[in-house]
Amino acid sequence: MLFEFPVTFFVGENGTGKSTFLEAIALASNIHIWRKSEFGRYQVNRYEKQLFKYISLEWANGKIPGAYFGSEIFNDFRRILDVWADTDPGQLEYFGGKSLVTQSHGQSMMSYFRSCYSRKGIYFLDEPETALSPKSQLELIDILRENGKAGHAQFIIATHSPILLAYEDAKIYSFDHSPVSEIEYQETEHYKIYKSFLLER
């Protein structure tokens, strides 16, 4: 799989593996994922968390730092940040100067996106649209566009959002069939379903 565009999307139905693969690539890039210790599950895929060990990456212009955003673990991160800020309030300056916990989920996510993605790096996002209004999703597109086209940031995103997928000049990989393959925006199930609903409701 080649990541040559500033923005690459992974799409597919729930359970197709796009989020698992996204996290594995992040871990293979030596990016730390901030999360609390996981609780046990009745049924565990013992191979899921080991996938990153079997992924080989090649960097076109040398390895760069980055960050992983997961909608499910973002609450863990913003609480951790608040603990850091107790002893070093300057930590909040990196995220707009205001505690992320005191903002709504969507507001705190946008504060994080605006600050974090202005720095050089590779960024992995797992379903960032979860707590975002349509307007905020459009603002996120602006953030991706501004920092991606500046040439200092690259984004790999797993999403169900037809709004985010509409980002111009992005590559989209579909996980709905094996093997994973590139797909055009208008060919995604997300686009087709939303278009059909809006036209025929």
C-alpha atoms as a PDB file:
ATOM      1  CA  MET A   1       0.000   0.000   0.000  1.00  0.00           C
ATOM      2  CA  LEU A   2       1.401   3.373  -1.025  1.00  0.00           C
ATOM      3  CA  PHE A   3       0.781   6.571   0.948  1.00  0.00           C
ATOM      4  CA  GLU A   4       1.822   9.223  -1.538  1.00  0.00           C
ATOM      5  CA  PHE A   5      -0.976  11.757  -0.979  1.00  0.00           C
ATOM      6  CA  PRO A   6      -1.274  14.268   1.868  1.00  0.00           C
ATOM      7  CA  VAL A   7      -4.567  12.581   2.838  1.00  0.00           C
ATOM      8  CA  THR A   8      -5.459   8.881   2.595  1.00  0.00           C
ATOM      9  CA  PHE A   9      -8.780   7.401   3.711  1.00  0.00           C
ATOM     10  CA  PHE A  10      -9.698   3.881   4.797  1.00  0.00           C
ATOM     11  CA  VAL A  11     -13.396   3.066   4.314  1.00  0.00           C
ATOM     12  CA  GLY A  12     -15.493  -0.014   4.848  1.00  0.00           C
ATOM     13  CA  GLU A  13     -18.294  -1.493   6.905  1.00  0.00           C
ATOM     14  CA  ASN A  14     -17.874  -2.072  10.621  1.00  0.00           C
ATOM     15  CA  GLY A  15     -15.675  -5.078  11.268  1.00  0.00           C
ATOM     16  CA  THR A  16     -13.755  -4.966   7.986  1.00  0.00           C
ATOM     17  CA  GLY A  17     -10.450  -4.241   9.745  1.00  0.00           C
ATOM     18  CA  LYS A  18      -9.737  -0.665   8.737  1.00  0.00           C
ATOM     19  CA  SER A  19      -9.298   0.602  12.310  1.00  0.00           C
ATOM     20  CA  THR A  20      -7.222  -2.427  13.276  1.00  0.00           C
ATOM     21  CA  PHE A  21      -4.916  -1.845  10.311  1.00  0.00           C
ATOM     22  CA  LEU A  22      -4.712   1.899  10.999  1.00  0.00           C
ATOM     23  CA  GLU A  23      -3.606   1.287  14.578  1.00  0.00           C
ATOM     24  CA  ALA A  24      -1.100  -1.351  13.467  1.00  0.00           C
ATOM     25  CA  ILE A  25       0.546   1.083  11.034  1.00  0.00           C
ATOM     26  CA  ALA A  26       0.761   3.710  13.779  1.00  0.00           C
ATOM     27  CA  LEU A  27       2.389   1.251  16.173  1.00  0.00           C
ATOM     28  CA  ALA A  28       4.767   0.092  13.432  1.00  0.00           C
ATOM     29  CA  SER A  29       5.742   3.771  13.088  1.00  0.00           C
ATOM     30  CA  ASN A  30       6.664   3.756  16.820  1.00  0.00           C
ATOM     31  CA  ILE A  31       3.841   6.169  17.656  1.00  0.00           C
ATOM     32  CA  HIS A  32       2.605   5.880  21.218  1.00  0.00           C
ATOM     33  CA  ILE A  33      -1.132   5.476  21.715  1.00  0.00           C
ATOM     34  CA  TRP A  34      -2.360   7.099  24.908  1.00  0.00           C
ATOM     35  CA  ARG A  35      -4.863   4.809  26.567  1.00  0.00           C
ATOM     36  CA  LYS A  36      -5.647   3.384  29.946  1.00  0.00           C
ATOM     37  CA  SER A  37      -5.123  -0.299  30.630  1.00  0.00           C
ATOM     38  CA  GLU A  38      -7.695  -2.290  28.713  1.00  0.00           C
ATOM     39  CA  PHE A  39     -10.352  -4.335  30.407  1.00  0.00           C
ATOM     40  CA  GLY A  40     -10.664  -7.996  29.551  1.00  0.00           C
ATOM     41  CA  ARG A  41     -13.016  -9.226  26.868  1.00  0.00           C
ATOM     42  CA  TYR A  42     -14.891 -12.493  26.721  1.00  0.00           C
ATOM     43  CA  GLN A  43     -13.755 -13.158  23.158  1.00  0.00           C
ATOM     44  CA  VAL A  44     -10.280 -11.932  22.332  1.00  0.00           C
ATOM     45  CA  ASN A  45      -8.514 -11.895  18.978  1.00  0.00           C
ATOM     46  CA  ARG A  46      -5.021 -12.625  20.254  1.00  0.00           C
ATOM     47  CA  TYR A  47      -3.478 -11.649  16.920  1.00  0.00           C
ATOM     48  CA  GLU A  48      -5.101  -8.213  16.605  1.00  0.00           C
ATOM     49  CA  LYS A  49      -2.667  -6.350  18.879  1.00  0.00           C
ATOM     50  CA  GLN A  50       0.343  -8.124  17.381  1.00  0.00           C
ATOM     51  CA  LEU A  51      -0.308  -7.157  13.753  1.00  0.00           C
ATOM     52  CA  PHE A  52       2.103  -4.209  13.853  1.00  0.00           C
ATOM     53  CA  LYS A  53       5.030  -6.607  14.354  1.00  0.00           C
ATOM     54  CA  TYR A  54       4.456  -7.988  10.858  1.00  0.00           C
ATOM     55  CA  ILE A  55       4.208  -4.662   9.020  1.00  0.00           C
ATOM     56  CA  SER A  56       7.252  -3.329   7.216  1.00  0.00           C
ATOM     57  CA  LEU A  57       7.384   0.390   6.443  1.00  0.00           C
ATOM     58  CA  GLU A  58       9.583   2.342   4.058  1.00  0.00           C
ATOM     59  CA  TRP A  59       9.927   6.120   4.414  1.00  0.00           C
ATOM     60  CA  ALA A  60      10.422   8.223   1.291  1.00  0.00           C
ATOM     61  CA  ASN A  61      12.236  11.117   2.993  1.00  0.00           C
ATOM     62  CA  GLY A  62      13.238   9.722   6.349  1.00  0.00           C
ATOM     63  CA  LYS A  63      11.168   8.834   9.367  1.00  0.00           C
ATOM     64  CA  ILE A  64       9.097  11.608  10.953  1.00  0.00           C
ATOM     65  CA  PRO A  65       7.208  11.863  14.273  1.00  0.00           C
ATOM     66  CA  GLY A  66       3.452  11.755  14.487  1.00  0.00           C
ATOM     67  CA  ALA A  67       0.385  11.059  16.599  1.00  0.00           C
ATOM     68  CA  TYR A  68      -2.586   8.708  16.758  1.00  0.00           C
ATOM     69  CA  PHE A  69      -6.128   9.923  17.367  1.00  0.00           C
ATOM     70  CA  GLY A  70      -8.865   7.454  18.215  1.00  0.00           C
ATOM     71  CA  SER A  71     -12.379   8.621  18.973  1.00  0.00           C
ATOM     72  CA  GLU A  72     -12.730   5.924  21.638  1.00  0.00           C
ATOM     73  CA  ILE A  73      -9.528   6.808  23.499  1.00  0.00           C
ATOM     74  CA  PHE A  74      -9.538  10.596  23.176  1.00  0.00           C
ATOM     75  CA  ASN A  75     -11.245  10.967  26.568  1.00  0.00           C
ATOM     76  CA  ASP A  76      -8.324   9.110  28.132  1.00  0.00           C
ATOM     77  CA  PHE A  77      -5.877  11.528  26.520  1.00  0.00           C
ATOM     78  CA  ARG A  78      -7.649  14.710  27.578  1.00  0.00           C
ATOM     79  CA  ARG A  79      -7.856  13.486  31.177  1.00  0.00           C
ATOM     80  CA  ILE A  80      -4.153  12.589  31.116  1.00  0.00           C
ATOM     81  CA  LEU A  81      -3.420  16.086  29.763  1.00  0.00           C
ATOM     82  CA  ASP A  82      -5.355  17.625  32.666  1.00  0.00           C
ATOM     83  CA  VAL A  83      -3.197  15.677  35.136  1.00  0.00           C
ATOM     84  CA  TRP A  84      -0.056  16.970  33.420  1.00  0.00           C
ATOM     85  CA  ALA A  85      -1.430  20.517  33.540  1.00  0.00           C
ATOM     86  CA  ASP A  86      -1.805  20.298  37.340  1.00  0.00           C
ATOM     87  CA  THR A  87       1.972  20.440  37.650  1.00  0.00           C
ATOM     88  CA  ASP A  88       2.755  22.197  34.363  1.00  0.00           C
ATOM     89  CA  PRO A  89      -0.073  24.499  33.192  1.00  0.00           C
ATOM     90  CA  GLY A  90       2.007  25.374  30.139  1.00  0.00           C
ATOM     91  CA  GLN A  91       1.055  21.997  28.671  1.00  0.00           C
ATOM     92  CA  LEU A  92      -2.357  23.445  27.809  1.00  0.00           C
ATOM     93  CA  GLU A  93      -0.758  26.107  25.603  1.00  0.00           C
ATOM     94  CA  TYR A  94      -0.136  23.408  23.015  1.00  0.00           C
ATOM     95  CA  PHE A  95      -3.912  22.863  22.797  1.00  0.00           C
ATOM     96  CA  GLY A  96      -5.300  26.387  22.702  1.00  0.00           C
ATOM     97  CA  GLY A  97      -4.614  27.304  26.337  1.00  0.00           C
ATOM     98  CA  LYS A  98      -7.816  25.772  27.709  1.00  0.00           C
ATOM     99  CA  SER A  99      -8.447  22.451  29.407  1.00  0.00           C
ATOM    100  CA  LEU A 100      -9.824  19.922  26.936  1.00  0.00           C
ATOM    101  CA  VAL A 101     -11.942  18.382  29.703  1.00  0.00           C
ATOM    102  CA  THR A 102     -13.885  21.622  30.274  1.00  0.00           C
ATOM    103  CA  GLN A 103     -14.949  21.734  26.622  1.00  0.00           C
ATOM    104  CA  SER A 104     -17.547  19.553  24.925  1.00  0.00           C
ATOM    105  CA  HIS A 105     -16.256  16.408  23.292  1.00  0.00           C
ATOM    106  CA  GLY A 106     -16.490  17.934  19.825  1.00  0.00           C
ATOM    107  CA  GLN A 107     -14.980  21.272  20.880  1.00  0.00           C
ATOM    108  CA  SER A 108     -12.040  19.590  22.603  1.00  0.00           C
ATOM    109  CA  MET A 109     -11.407  17.453  19.531  1.00  0.00           C
ATOM    110  CA  MET A 110     -11.279  20.522  17.295  1.00  0.00           C
ATOM    111  CA  SER A 111      -8.879  22.248  19.730  1.00  0.00           C
ATOM    112  CA  TYR A 112      -6.668  19.181  19.546  1.00  0.00           C
ATOM    113  CA  PHE A 113      -6.800  19.032  15.734  1.00  0.00           C
ATOM    114  CA  ARG A 114      -5.992  22.735  15.288  1.00  0.00           C
ATOM    115  CA  SER A 115      -2.947  22.604  17.536  1.00  0.00           C
ATOM    116  CA  CYS A 116      -1.524  19.159  16.902  1.00  0.00           C
ATOM    117  CA  TYR A 117      -1.726  19.114  13.118  1.00  0.00           C
ATOM    118  CA  SER A 118       0.093  22.398  12.620  1.00  0.00           C
ATOM    119  CA  ARG A 119       3.346  20.570  13.400  1.00  0.00           C
ATOM    120  CA  LYS A 120       5.354  18.458  10.979  1.00  0.00           C
ATOM    121  CA  GLY A 121       4.439  14.794  11.195  1.00  0.00           C
ATOM    122  CA  ILE A 122       2.336  11.852  10.112  1.00  0.00           C
ATOM    123  CA  TYR A 123      -1.076  11.636  11.732  1.00  0.00           C
ATOM    124  CA  PHE A 124      -3.420   8.679  12.112  1.00  0.00           C
ATOM    125  CA  LEU A 125      -7.101   9.357  12.807  1.00  0.00           C
ATOM    126  CA  ASP A 126      -9.676   6.703  13.629  1.00  0.00           C
ATOM    127  CA  GLU A 127     -13.234   7.913  12.959  1.00  0.00           C
ATOM    128  CA  PRO A 128     -12.623  11.569  13.931  1.00  0.00           C
ATOM    129  CA  GLU A 129     -16.166  12.491  12.862  1.00  0.00           C
ATOM    130  CA  THR A 130     -17.758  10.651  15.797  1.00  0.00           C
ATOM    131  CA  ALA A 131     -18.427  13.745  17.953  1.00  0.00           C
ATOM    132  CA  LEU A 132     -18.247  16.379  15.222  1.00  0.00           C
ATOM    133  CA  SER A 133     -21.160  18.294  13.735  1.00  0.00           C
ATOM    134  CA  PRO A 134     -21.271  18.617   9.918  1.00  0.00           C
ATOM    135  CA  LYS A 135     -19.912  22.174  10.313  1.00  0.00           C
ATOM    136  CA  SER A 136     -16.996  20.935  12.419  1.00  0.00           C
ATOM    137  CA  GLN A 137     -16.273  18.214   9.879  1.00  0.00           C
ATOM    138  CA  LEU A 138     -15.934  20.927   7.235  1.00  0.00           C
ATOM    139  CA  GLU A 139     -13.575  22.789   9.572  1.00  0.00           C
ATOM    140  CA  LEU A 140     -11.535  19.606   9.927  1.00  0.00           C
ATOM    141  CA  ILE A 141     -11.303  19.400   6.136  1.00  0.00           C
ATOM    142  CA  ASP A 142      -9.882  22.932   6.167  1.00  0.00           C
ATOM    143  CA  ILE A 143      -7.278  21.837   8.742  1.00  0.00           C
ATOM    144  CA  LEU A 144      -6.330  18.831   6.610  1.00  0.00           C
ATOM    145  CA  ARG A 145      -6.131  20.993   3.495  1.00  0.00           C
ATOM    146  CA  GLU A 146      -4.080  23.751   5.102  1.00  0.00           C
ATOM    147  CA  ASN A 147      -1.511  21.466   6.710  1.00  0.00           C
ATOM    148  CA  GLY A 148      -1.487  18.726   4.071  1.00  0.00           C
ATOM    149  CA  LYS A 149      -0.945  21.068   1.161  1.00  0.00           C
ATOM    150  CA  ALA A 150       1.731  22.941   3.118  1.00  0.00           C
ATOM    151  CA  GLY A 151       3.747  19.751   2.757  1.00  0.00           C
ATOM    152  CA  HIS A 152       4.612  19.238   6.407  1.00  0.00           C
ATOM    153  CA  ALA A 153       1.782  16.923   7.472  1.00  0.00           C
ATOM    154  CA  GLN A 154       0.370  13.664   6.155  1.00  0.00           C
ATOM    155  CA  PHE A 155      -2.927  12.147   7.303  1.00  0.00           C
ATOM    156  CA  ILE A 156      -4.183   8.555   7.218  1.00  0.00           C
ATOM    157  CA  ILE A 157      -7.820   8.391   8.295  1.00  0.00           C
ATOM    158  CA  ALA A 158     -10.357   5.625   8.890  1.00  0.00           C
ATOM    159  CA  THR A 159     -13.830   7.120   8.507  1.00  0.00           C
ATOM    160  CA  HIS A 160     -17.519   6.615   7.775  1.00  0.00           C
ATOM    161  CA  SER A 161     -18.077  10.286   6.945  1.00  0.00           C
ATOM    162  CA  PRO A 162     -19.054  11.163   3.359  1.00  0.00           C
ATOM    163  CA  ILE A 163     -18.190  14.770   4.242  1.00  0.00           C
ATOM    164  CA  LEU A 164     -14.574  13.981   5.094  1.00  0.00           C
ATOM    165  CA  LEU A 165     -14.300  11.580   2.168  1.00  0.00           C
ATOM    166  CA  ALA A 166     -15.146  14.457  -0.173  1.00  0.00           C
ATOM    167  CA  TYR A 167     -11.710  15.979   0.489  1.00  0.00           C
ATOM    168  CA  GLU A 168     -10.218  16.684  -2.921  1.00  0.00           C
ATOM    169  CA  ASP A 169      -7.080  14.885  -4.130  1.00  0.00           C
ATOM    170  CA  ALA A 170      -7.259  12.185  -1.459  1.00  0.00           C
ATOM    171  CA  LYS A 171      -6.693   8.492  -2.046  1.00  0.00           C
ATOM    172  CA  ILE A 172      -9.427   6.191  -0.741  1.00  0.00           C
ATOM    173  CA  TYR A 173      -8.872   2.508   0.053  1.00  0.00           C
ATOM    174  CA  SER A 174     -11.924   0.279   0.493  1.00  0.00           C
ATOM    175  CA  PHE A 175     -11.778  -2.580   3.019  1.00  0.00           C
ATOM    176  CA  ASP A 176     -15.157  -3.990   1.958  1.00  0.00           C
ATOM    177  CA  HIS A 177     -13.604  -6.635  -0.294  1.00  0.00           C
ATOM    178  CA  SER A 178     -10.401  -8.635  -0.355  1.00  0.00           C
ATOM    179  CA  PRO A 179      -7.891  -7.538  -1.358  1.00  0.00           C
ATOM    180  CA  VAL A 180      -8.110  -3.955  -0.145  1.00  0.00           C
ATOM    181  CA  SER A 181      -8.320  -1.742  -3.223  1.00  0.00           C
ATOM    182  CA  GLU A 182      -8.405   1.911  -4.248  1.00  0.00           C
ATOM    183  CA  ILE A 183     -11.858   3.348  -4.901  1.00  0.00           C
ATOM    184  CA  GLU A 184     -13.316   6.630  -6.152  1.00  0.00           C
ATOM    185  CA  TYR A 185     -15.408   8.808  -3.854  1.00  0.00           C
ATOM    186  CA  GLN A 186     -18.654   8.320  -5.813  1.00  0.00           C
ATOM    187  CA  GLU A 187     -18.126   4.541  -5.679  1.00  0.00           C
ATOM    188  CA  THR A 188     -18.050   4.345  -1.888  1.00  0.00           C
ATOM    189  CA  GLU A 189     -21.076   2.905  -0.128  1.00  0.00           C
ATOM    190  CA  HIS A 190     -21.038   5.955   2.166  1.00  0.00           C
ATOM    191  CA  TYR A 191     -21.606   8.330  -0.755  1.00  0.00           C
ATOM    192  CA  LYS A 192     -24.237   6.093  -2.379  1.00  0.00           C
ATOM    193  CA  ILE A 193     -26.253   5.554   0.800  1.00  0.00           C
ATOM    194  CA  TYR A 194     -26.296   9.210   1.847  1.00  0.00           C
ATOM    195  CA  LYS A 195     -27.129  10.376  -1.668  1.00  0.00           C
ATOM    196  CA  SER A 196     -29.952   7.860  -1.949  1.00  0.00           C
ATOM    197  CA  PHE A 197     -31.348   8.840   1.447  1.00  0.00           C
ATOM    198  CA  LEU A 198     -31.300  12.565   0.729  1.00  0.00           C
ATOM    199  CA  LEU A 199     -32.906  12.147  -2.694  1.00  0.00           C
ATOM    200  CA  GLU A 200     -35.560   9.616  -1.692  1.00  0.00           C
ATOM    201  CA  ARG A 201     -36.430  10.367   1.929  1.00  0.00           C
END
